[in-house]
Protein backbone atom coordinates (compact mmCIF):
# COMPACT_ATOMS: atom_id res chain seq x y z
CA MET A 1 -2.83 9.39 -21.10
CA SER A 2 -2.26 9.56 -17.35
CA ALA A 3 0.80 10.98 -15.67
CA PRO A 4 3.72 8.68 -14.90
CA ILE A 5 3.48 6.84 -11.61
CA GLU A 6 5.94 8.40 -9.18
CA SER A 7 4.56 7.44 -5.77
CA ILE A 8 2.70 4.41 -4.48
CA LEU A 9 1.40 3.05 -1.21
CA VAL A 10 1.82 -0.66 -0.52
CA ASP A 11 -0.05 -2.74 2.03
CA SER A 12 1.46 -5.12 4.56
CA ARG A 13 1.00 -8.31 2.49
CA THR A 14 2.73 -6.71 -0.46
CA THR A 15 5.56 -5.41 1.72
CA ILE A 16 6.16 -8.86 3.19
CA TRP A 17 5.99 -10.35 -0.34
CA LEU A 18 8.55 -7.80 -1.59
CA HIS A 19 10.97 -8.65 1.22
CA ALA A 20 11.36 -12.29 0.19
CA ARG A 21 15.00 -12.90 -0.74
CA SER A 22 13.92 -14.02 -4.20
CA ARG A 23 12.44 -10.55 -4.82
CA ALA A 24 15.37 -8.44 -3.62
CA ASN A 25 16.12 -7.19 -7.15
CA LEU A 26 12.46 -6.29 -7.71
CA LEU A 27 12.39 -4.30 -4.47
CA LYS A 28 15.59 -2.48 -5.48
CA LEU A 29 14.10 -1.68 -8.90
CA LEU A 30 10.89 -0.33 -7.39
CA LEU A 31 12.78 1.77 -4.85
CA SER A 32 15.00 3.19 -7.61
CA ARG A 33 11.99 4.29 -9.67
CA LEU A 34 9.29 5.15 -7.15
CA ASP A 35 8.66 6.81 -3.83
CA ILE A 36 7.09 3.99 -1.85
CA TYR A 37 4.86 4.81 1.09
CA LEU A 38 3.70 2.51 3.85
CA SER A 39 0.99 3.16 6.40
CA ALA A 40 2.31 3.01 9.97
CA LEU A 41 -0.27 0.29 10.62
CA SER A 42 1.12 -1.77 7.75
CA ALA A 43 4.61 -1.22 9.13
CA TYR A 44 3.38 -2.56 12.47
CA GLU A 45 1.92 -5.66 10.77
CA VAL A 46 5.11 -6.25 8.79
CA ALA A 47 7.30 -5.90 11.88
CA ALA A 48 5.04 -8.29 13.80
CA ALA A 49 5.25 -10.85 10.96
CA PHE A 50 9.04 -10.58 10.84
CA ILE A 51 9.23 -11.07 14.60
CA TYR A 52 6.82 -14.02 14.47
CA TYR A 53 8.82 -15.73 11.75
CA ARG A 54 12.10 -14.82 13.50
CA ILE A 55 13.42 -12.82 10.57
CA GLY A 56 16.21 -10.49 11.57
CA ASP A 57 16.64 -8.51 14.77
CA PRO A 58 13.22 -7.82 16.34
CA ARG A 59 14.40 -4.50 17.76
CA GLY A 60 15.44 -3.16 14.36
CA HIS A 61 12.42 -3.87 12.17
CA MET A 62 10.67 -0.51 12.48
CA ALA A 63 13.94 1.38 12.00
CA ARG A 64 14.72 -0.69 8.91
CA LEU A 65 11.26 -0.07 7.44
CA GLU A 66 11.64 3.66 8.12
CA LYS A 67 14.91 3.66 6.13
CA ILE A 68 13.29 1.92 3.16
CA TYR A 69 9.81 3.46 3.01
CA HIS A 70 8.10 6.75 3.65
CA ILE A 71 6.02 5.82 6.70
CA VAL A 72 2.68 7.64 6.90
CA TYR A 73 1.28 7.98 10.40
CA PRO A 74 -2.49 8.42 10.70
CA ASP A 75 -3.37 12.09 11.12
CA ARG A 76 -6.73 13.82 11.50
CA GLU A 77 -7.45 13.72 7.74
CA ILE A 78 -6.69 10.01 7.42
CA LEU A 79 -8.67 9.13 10.55
CA SER A 80 -11.63 11.28 9.49
CA THR A 81 -11.67 9.60 6.08
CA ALA A 82 -11.43 6.18 7.75
CA ALA A 83 -14.29 7.01 10.13
CA ARG A 84 -16.55 8.10 7.24
CA ILE A 85 -15.72 4.95 5.29
CA SER A 86 -16.22 2.67 8.30
CA ALA A 87 -19.57 4.28 9.10
CA ASP A 88 -20.73 3.92 5.50
CA LEU A 89 -19.62 0.28 5.36
CA MET A 90 -21.49 -0.44 8.62
CA TYR A 91 -24.59 1.34 7.30
CA HIS A 92 -24.52 -0.97 4.27
CA GLY A 93 -23.88 -4.10 6.34
CA GLU A 94 -20.30 -4.50 5.14
CA SER A 95 -17.15 -4.67 7.17
CA ARG A 96 -13.39 -4.70 6.79
CA SER A 97 -10.57 -4.70 9.28
CA ASP A 98 -9.71 -1.33 10.74
CA ILE A 99 -6.21 -1.67 9.32
CA ASP A 100 -7.53 -2.20 5.77
CA VAL A 101 -9.79 0.85 6.17
CA ILE A 102 -6.89 2.98 7.42
CA VAL A 103 -4.56 1.77 4.64
CA ALA A 104 -7.20 2.63 2.02
CA SER A 105 -7.88 5.97 3.75
CA THR A 106 -4.16 6.76 3.75
CA ALA A 107 -4.00 6.23 -0.02
CA ILE A 108 -7.16 8.28 -0.58
CA SER A 109 -6.10 11.14 1.73
CA ARG A 110 -2.58 11.35 0.30
CA ASN A 111 -3.69 10.83 -3.31
CA LEU A 112 -1.49 7.75 -3.64
CA LEU A 113 -2.00 4.74 -5.86
CA LEU A 114 -2.43 1.62 -3.73
CA VAL A 115 -0.39 -1.22 -5.20
CA SER A 116 -1.08 -4.67 -3.81
CA ILE A 117 -0.51 -8.31 -4.64
CA ARG A 118 -4.23 -8.62 -3.88
CA ALA A 119 -5.55 -5.36 -5.29
CA GLN A 120 -9.02 -6.83 -5.81
CA GLU A 121 -9.42 -7.04 -2.02
CA TYR A 122 -9.58 -3.24 -2.01
CA ASP A 123 -12.31 -3.00 -4.67
CA MET A 124 -14.93 -2.03 -2.08
CA PHE A 125 -12.99 1.18 -1.42
CA LYS A 126 -13.01 2.40 -5.02
CA LYS A 127 -16.38 4.11 -4.48
CA TYR A 128 -14.63 6.32 -1.90
CA GLY A 129 -11.95 7.43 -4.36
CA LEU A 130 -9.31 4.74 -3.99
CA SER A 131 -7.19 3.93 -7.03
CA THR A 132 -5.48 0.55 -7.11
CA LEU A 133 -3.08 -1.37 -9.27
CA SER A 134 -2.00 -4.96 -8.91
CA MET A 135 1.68 -5.63 -8.36
CA ASP A 136 1.63 -7.65 -11.60
CA GLY A 137 0.26 -4.58 -13.38
CA LEU A 138 2.98 -2.37 -11.94
CA ILE A 139 5.69 -4.86 -12.86
CA LYS A 140 4.39 -5.05 -16.44
CA GLN A 141 4.48 -1.28 -16.70
CA LEU A 142 8.06 -1.17 -15.43
CA GLU A 143 9.15 -4.02 -17.72
CA HIS A 144 7.74 -2.27 -20.76
CA GLY A 145 9.01 1.15 -19.77
CA VAL A 146 5.54 2.64 -19.83
CA GLU A 147 5.13 3.75 -16.24
CA GLY A 148 1.83 5.53 -15.89
CA ARG A 149 0.56 4.88 -19.41
CA VAL A 150 -1.78 2.15 -18.31
CA PRO A 151 -4.52 3.61 -16.11
CA PRO A 152 -4.95 2.35 -12.53
CA GLU A 153 -7.43 -0.44 -11.95
CA GLY A 154 -10.15 1.75 -10.49
CA GLY A 155 -10.82 4.96 -8.72
CA SER A 156 -10.89 8.41 -10.18
C-alpha cells in the first residue's frame, strides 16, 4: 500500500480546467486536502490563457496563482533533468514542447505526482521516473476516501 497523496503537481491544461466556475467546489476540495504545485512555466501559460480569454484583471493573474498554488521556478536540478530528457528524446527521434519537458522534470526533480486531465500525454516521461495520475483517478480516490491507496498510473 502506498503512502497517502499529500502533494501534487498540475499542468497548465489541468489548472485552466480546475478554474472553470463549474469546478470551484472541486478546486476548493483539492486545495483543502493537498499541497498543489504548479511549474512557473505552467503559471505563465495559465496567465496567458486568462488574458487571451479576458478572464479577470490581466495584471493580477500571476499574483492570484501564487496565492493559490506553490509555484516552482526552474532551478539547476530541474533544468539539468530537462536537458537530459530533451537530449534523450532527440536521440530517439521524439520531441515534446520545452514546457512539457520542464513540467515533467519539475515533478521528477521534486518527487511530485503529476496529476493531469490528460495524464496519458505524459506517458513518454515515465521511463525517466515520472509518476502520473489522471484527474479522474484523483477525484475517485478523494470521493472514496482512499487517498493514496490506489497506486499512481506509472513511474516508480
